[in-house]
Amino acid sequence: MNQFTRTCILFAAVSLTALAGCSATQKHESTGQYIDDTGITTAVKAAIFNEPTLKSAEINVETFKGRVQLSGFVSSRANIDRAVQVAQGIKGVTSVGNDMRLK
């Protein structure tokens, strides 16, 4: 094998390894999904903050592959229901998990 062929094979192997490292798996997000989820999290937090009946400091928001997880301690069942409704109304949200508890 000549030097050019070895260099091409090495370059192809490194390229494939790098591309595989950026892909998504069941437990890991791709870079694009991470950016999308960050935008969804920000939008949900902003919507909760702008909702006068909810205290945004009480509700934690996490997003993974479009699924929003709400957690924290709130003062009423109505606040739990309203937070879920607000999160479901955000573009890009595929589902909402509710782990909020009453104080």
N, C-alpha and C. Protein backbone atom coordinates (compact mmCIF):
# COMPACT_ATOMS: atom_id res chain seq x y z
N MET A 1 0.84 -1.18 0.00
CA MET A 1 0.00 0.00 0.00
C MET A 1 0.88 1.23 0.00
N ASN A 2 0.54 2.19 -0.82
CA ASN A 2 1.36 3.39 -0.86
C ASN A 2 0.90 4.38 0.22
N GLN A 3 1.66 5.38 0.39
CA GLN A 3 1.42 6.39 1.44
C GLN A 3 0.08 7.10 1.25
N PHE A 4 -0.30 7.39 0.03
CA PHE A 4 -1.56 8.09 -0.25
C PHE A 4 -2.76 7.26 0.19
N THR A 5 -2.73 5.98 -0.08
CA THR A 5 -3.84 5.08 0.29
C THR A 5 -3.97 5.00 1.80
N ARG A 6 -2.86 4.86 2.49
CA ARG A 6 -2.89 4.82 3.96
C ARG A 6 -3.45 6.10 4.54
N THR A 7 -3.06 7.22 3.98
CA THR A 7 -3.56 8.52 4.45
C THR A 7 -5.06 8.63 4.23
N CYS A 8 -5.54 8.18 3.09
CA CYS A 8 -6.98 8.23 2.80
C CYS A 8 -7.76 7.35 3.77
N ILE A 9 -7.26 6.16 4.05
CA ILE A 9 -7.94 5.24 4.97
C ILE A 9 -7.96 5.84 6.38
N LEU A 10 -6.86 6.40 6.80
CA LEU A 10 -6.80 7.04 8.12
C LEU A 10 -7.77 8.21 8.20
N PHE A 11 -7.81 9.03 7.19
CA PHE A 11 -8.73 10.17 7.16
C PHE A 11 -10.19 9.70 7.21
N ALA A 12 -10.51 8.65 6.47
CA ALA A 12 -11.88 8.12 6.46
C ALA A 12 -12.26 7.56 7.84
N ALA A 13 -11.34 6.88 8.48
CA ALA A 13 -11.62 6.32 9.81
C ALA A 13 -11.85 7.42 10.84
N VAL A 14 -11.03 8.46 10.81
CA VAL A 14 -11.19 9.58 11.74
C VAL A 14 -12.50 10.31 11.47
N SER A 15 -12.84 10.50 10.22
CA SER A 15 -14.09 11.18 9.86
C SER A 15 -15.31 10.41 10.35
N LEU A 16 -15.33 9.11 10.14
CA LEU A 16 -16.46 8.29 10.58
C LEU A 16 -16.58 8.28 12.10
N THR A 17 -15.46 8.23 12.78
CA THR A 17 -15.48 8.27 14.24
C THR A 17 -16.04 9.61 14.74
N ALA A 18 -15.63 10.69 14.14
CA ALA A 18 -16.11 12.01 14.54
C ALA A 18 -17.60 12.16 14.28
N LEU A 19 -18.08 11.68 13.15
CA LEU A 19 -19.50 11.76 12.85
C LEU A 19 -20.33 10.90 13.79
N ALA A 20 -19.84 9.74 14.15
CA ALA A 20 -20.56 8.86 15.07
C ALA A 20 -20.64 9.50 16.45
N GLY A 21 -19.65 10.26 16.83
CA GLY A 21 -19.65 10.94 18.13
C GLY A 21 -20.69 12.04 18.23
N CYS A 22 -21.18 12.57 17.13
CA CYS A 22 -22.17 13.64 17.13
C CYS A 22 -23.59 13.14 16.99
N SER A 23 -23.76 11.84 16.80
CA SER A 23 -25.11 11.32 16.59
C SER A 23 -25.82 11.07 17.91
N ALA A 24 -27.14 10.99 17.83
CA ALA A 24 -27.95 10.78 19.02
C ALA A 24 -28.12 9.29 19.30
N THR A 25 -28.27 8.96 20.56
CA THR A 25 -28.64 7.63 20.99
C THR A 25 -29.85 7.76 21.89
N GLN A 26 -30.34 6.64 22.41
CA GLN A 26 -31.51 6.71 23.28
C GLN A 26 -31.25 7.54 24.52
N LYS A 27 -30.04 7.47 25.05
CA LYS A 27 -29.73 8.16 26.30
C LYS A 27 -28.97 9.46 26.10
N HIS A 28 -28.53 9.75 24.88
CA HIS A 28 -27.76 10.95 24.61
C HIS A 28 -28.38 11.71 23.45
N GLU A 29 -28.31 13.04 23.54
CA GLU A 29 -28.83 13.90 22.48
C GLU A 29 -27.73 14.26 21.51
N SER A 30 -28.12 14.55 20.28
CA SER A 30 -27.16 15.11 19.34
C SER A 30 -27.01 16.59 19.69
N THR A 31 -26.05 17.24 19.09
CA THR A 31 -25.83 18.66 19.34
C THR A 31 -27.06 19.48 18.97
N GLY A 32 -27.67 19.18 17.84
CA GLY A 32 -28.86 19.90 17.40
C GLY A 32 -30.03 19.71 18.36
N GLN A 33 -30.22 18.47 18.83
CA GLN A 33 -31.29 18.22 19.79
C GLN A 33 -31.04 18.96 21.09
N TYR A 34 -29.79 19.01 21.53
CA TYR A 34 -29.47 19.73 22.76
C TYR A 34 -29.83 21.20 22.63
N ILE A 35 -29.51 21.79 21.49
CA ILE A 35 -29.83 23.21 21.26
C ILE A 35 -31.34 23.41 21.21
N ASP A 36 -32.07 22.51 20.54
CA ASP A 36 -33.53 22.59 20.49
C ASP A 36 -34.12 22.48 21.90
N ASP A 37 -33.63 21.54 22.69
CA ASP A 37 -34.14 21.35 24.04
C ASP A 37 -33.85 22.54 24.94
N THR A 38 -32.71 23.17 24.73
CA THR A 38 -32.39 24.38 25.50
C THR A 38 -33.38 25.48 25.17
N GLY A 39 -33.72 25.63 23.90
CA GLY A 39 -34.72 26.62 23.49
C GLY A 39 -36.09 26.33 24.06
N ILE A 40 -36.48 25.05 24.07
CA ILE A 40 -37.77 24.66 24.64
C ILE A 40 -37.79 24.96 26.14
N THR A 41 -36.73 24.60 26.84
CA THR A 41 -36.66 24.86 28.28
C THR A 41 -36.79 26.35 28.56
N THR A 42 -36.10 27.17 27.81
CA THR A 42 -36.17 28.62 27.99
C THR A 42 -37.57 29.14 27.72
N ALA A 43 -38.21 28.63 26.67
CA ALA A 43 -39.57 29.08 26.34
C ALA A 43 -40.58 28.68 27.41
N VAL A 44 -40.44 27.47 27.95
CA VAL A 44 -41.35 27.02 29.02
C VAL A 44 -41.14 27.86 30.28
N LYS A 45 -39.88 28.10 30.64
CA LYS A 45 -39.60 28.92 31.83
C LYS A 45 -40.17 30.33 31.67
N ALA A 46 -40.01 30.90 30.48
CA ALA A 46 -40.54 32.24 30.23
C ALA A 46 -42.06 32.26 30.31
N ALA A 47 -42.70 31.23 29.75
CA ALA A 47 -44.16 31.17 29.79
C ALA A 47 -44.67 31.01 31.22
N ILE A 48 -43.98 30.20 32.02
CA ILE A 48 -44.37 30.04 33.43
C ILE A 48 -44.14 31.35 34.18
N PHE A 49 -43.03 32.03 33.89
CA PHE A 49 -42.75 33.32 34.53
C PHE A 49 -43.83 34.35 34.20
N ASN A 50 -44.31 34.34 32.96
CA ASN A 50 -45.32 35.31 32.51
C ASN A 50 -46.73 34.95 32.94
N GLU A 51 -46.92 33.79 33.51
CA GLU A 51 -48.24 33.37 33.99
C GLU A 51 -48.43 33.94 35.41
N PRO A 52 -49.39 34.85 35.59
CA PRO A 52 -49.52 35.53 36.88
C PRO A 52 -49.88 34.62 38.06
N THR A 53 -50.51 33.49 37.81
CA THR A 53 -50.91 32.62 38.91
C THR A 53 -49.80 31.69 39.37
N LEU A 54 -48.70 31.62 38.62
CA LEU A 54 -47.62 30.70 38.96
C LEU A 54 -46.40 31.44 39.48
N LYS A 55 -45.70 30.83 40.42
CA LYS A 55 -44.43 31.36 40.90
C LYS A 55 -43.32 30.57 40.23
N SER A 56 -42.62 31.23 39.34
CA SER A 56 -41.62 30.52 38.53
C SER A 56 -40.46 29.98 39.35
N ALA A 57 -40.20 30.55 40.50
CA ALA A 57 -39.10 30.07 41.33
C ALA A 57 -39.41 28.70 41.95
N GLU A 58 -40.69 28.33 41.99
CA GLU A 58 -41.10 27.07 42.59
C GLU A 58 -41.03 25.90 41.61
N ILE A 59 -40.96 26.18 40.32
CA ILE A 59 -41.08 25.14 39.30
C ILE A 59 -39.77 24.99 38.54
N ASN A 60 -39.24 23.77 38.52
CA ASN A 60 -38.03 23.45 37.77
C ASN A 60 -38.42 22.83 36.44
N VAL A 61 -37.70 23.19 35.38
CA VAL A 61 -38.00 22.70 34.03
C VAL A 61 -36.75 22.06 33.45
N GLU A 62 -36.90 20.82 32.96
CA GLU A 62 -35.84 20.13 32.24
C GLU A 62 -36.43 19.54 30.97
N THR A 63 -35.64 19.51 29.91
CA THR A 63 -36.13 18.98 28.63
C THR A 63 -35.12 18.00 28.06
N PHE A 64 -35.63 16.87 27.55
CA PHE A 64 -34.78 15.88 26.89
C PHE A 64 -35.54 15.35 25.69
N LYS A 65 -35.02 15.61 24.49
CA LYS A 65 -35.62 15.18 23.23
C LYS A 65 -37.09 15.60 23.12
N GLY A 66 -37.36 16.85 23.51
CA GLY A 66 -38.70 17.41 23.38
C GLY A 66 -39.64 17.10 24.53
N ARG A 67 -39.24 16.22 25.43
CA ARG A 67 -40.07 15.88 26.58
C ARG A 67 -39.71 16.80 27.74
N VAL A 68 -40.69 17.55 28.21
CA VAL A 68 -40.47 18.50 29.30
C VAL A 68 -40.82 17.82 30.62
N GLN A 69 -39.94 17.96 31.60
CA GLN A 69 -40.17 17.42 32.94
C GLN A 69 -40.30 18.60 33.90
N LEU A 70 -41.45 18.71 34.56
CA LEU A 70 -41.69 19.76 35.54
C LEU A 70 -41.56 19.15 36.93
N SER A 71 -40.86 19.85 37.81
CA SER A 71 -40.73 19.39 39.19
C SER A 71 -40.71 20.60 40.12
N GLY A 72 -40.85 20.33 41.41
CA GLY A 72 -40.83 21.39 42.39
C GLY A 72 -42.03 21.30 43.31
N PHE A 73 -42.16 22.29 44.18
CA PHE A 73 -43.24 22.33 45.15
C PHE A 73 -44.09 23.57 44.89
N VAL A 74 -45.41 23.34 44.69
CA VAL A 74 -46.34 24.43 44.43
C VAL A 74 -47.44 24.41 45.48
N SER A 75 -48.21 25.51 45.53
CA SER A 75 -49.17 25.67 46.61
C SER A 75 -50.55 25.06 46.36
N SER A 76 -50.89 24.71 45.11
CA SER A 76 -52.22 24.16 44.86
C SER A 76 -52.23 23.23 43.66
N ARG A 77 -53.25 22.39 43.62
CA ARG A 77 -53.43 21.49 42.48
C ARG A 77 -53.70 22.28 41.20
N ALA A 78 -54.39 23.41 41.35
CA ALA A 78 -54.66 24.27 40.19
C ALA A 78 -53.36 24.78 39.57
N ASN A 79 -52.37 25.10 40.40
CA ASN A 79 -51.07 25.56 39.89
C ASN A 79 -50.35 24.45 39.13
N ILE A 80 -50.48 23.22 39.61
CA ILE A 80 -49.87 22.09 38.91
C ILE A 80 -50.51 21.93 37.53
N ASP A 81 -51.83 21.94 37.51
CA ASP A 81 -52.55 21.79 36.24
C ASP A 81 -52.23 22.92 35.27
N ARG A 82 -52.15 24.14 35.78
CA ARG A 82 -51.87 25.30 34.92
C ARG A 82 -50.45 25.24 34.36
N ALA A 83 -49.48 24.82 35.17
CA ALA A 83 -48.09 24.71 34.70
C ALA A 83 -47.98 23.67 33.59
N VAL A 84 -48.69 22.56 33.72
CA VAL A 84 -48.68 21.53 32.68
C VAL A 84 -49.31 22.09 31.40
N GLN A 85 -50.42 22.81 31.53
CA GLN A 85 -51.07 23.40 30.36
C GLN A 85 -50.15 24.39 29.65
N VAL A 86 -49.48 25.22 30.43
CA VAL A 86 -48.57 26.22 29.85
C VAL A 86 -47.45 25.51 29.09
N ALA A 87 -46.87 24.48 29.69
CA ALA A 87 -45.77 23.75 29.05
C ALA A 87 -46.24 23.06 27.77
N GLN A 88 -47.44 22.49 27.78
CA GLN A 88 -47.96 21.81 26.60
C GLN A 88 -48.20 22.78 25.44
N GLY A 89 -48.39 24.04 25.74
CA GLY A 89 -48.66 25.04 24.70
C GLY A 89 -47.43 25.57 24.00
N ILE A 90 -46.25 25.12 24.40
CA ILE A 90 -45.00 25.61 23.80
C ILE A 90 -44.66 24.77 22.58
N LYS A 91 -44.27 25.43 21.50
CA LYS A 91 -43.89 24.76 20.25
C LYS A 91 -42.66 23.88 20.50
N GLY A 92 -42.72 22.66 20.00
CA GLY A 92 -41.60 21.73 20.12
C GLY A 92 -41.75 20.75 21.27
N VAL A 93 -42.69 21.00 22.17
CA VAL A 93 -42.90 20.10 23.30
C VAL A 93 -43.68 18.87 22.82
N THR A 94 -43.10 17.69 23.00
CA THR A 94 -43.76 16.47 22.58
C THR A 94 -44.60 15.85 23.69
N SER A 95 -44.16 16.01 24.93
CA SER A 95 -44.93 15.53 26.08
C SER A 95 -44.45 16.26 27.33
N VAL A 96 -45.27 16.20 28.37
CA VAL A 96 -44.93 16.87 29.62
C VAL A 96 -45.03 15.87 30.75
N GLY A 97 -43.95 15.73 31.49
CA GLY A 97 -43.94 14.89 32.70
C GLY A 97 -44.15 15.78 33.90
N ASN A 98 -44.99 15.33 34.80
CA ASN A 98 -45.33 16.13 35.97
C ASN A 98 -44.80 15.45 37.23
N ASP A 99 -43.83 16.07 37.85
CA ASP A 99 -43.29 15.57 39.11
C ASP A 99 -43.40 16.65 40.18
N MET A 100 -44.38 17.56 40.03
CA MET A 100 -44.57 18.63 41.00
C MET A 100 -45.34 18.09 42.20
N ARG A 101 -45.06 18.65 43.36
CA ARG A 101 -45.69 18.23 44.62
C ARG A 101 -46.32 19.43 45.29
N LEU A 102 -47.34 19.15 46.10
CA LEU A 102 -47.99 20.22 46.87
C LEU A 102 -47.18 20.49 48.12
N LYS A 103 -47.12 21.75 48.51
CA LYS A 103 -46.41 22.13 49.74
C LYS A 103 -47.21 21.67 50.94
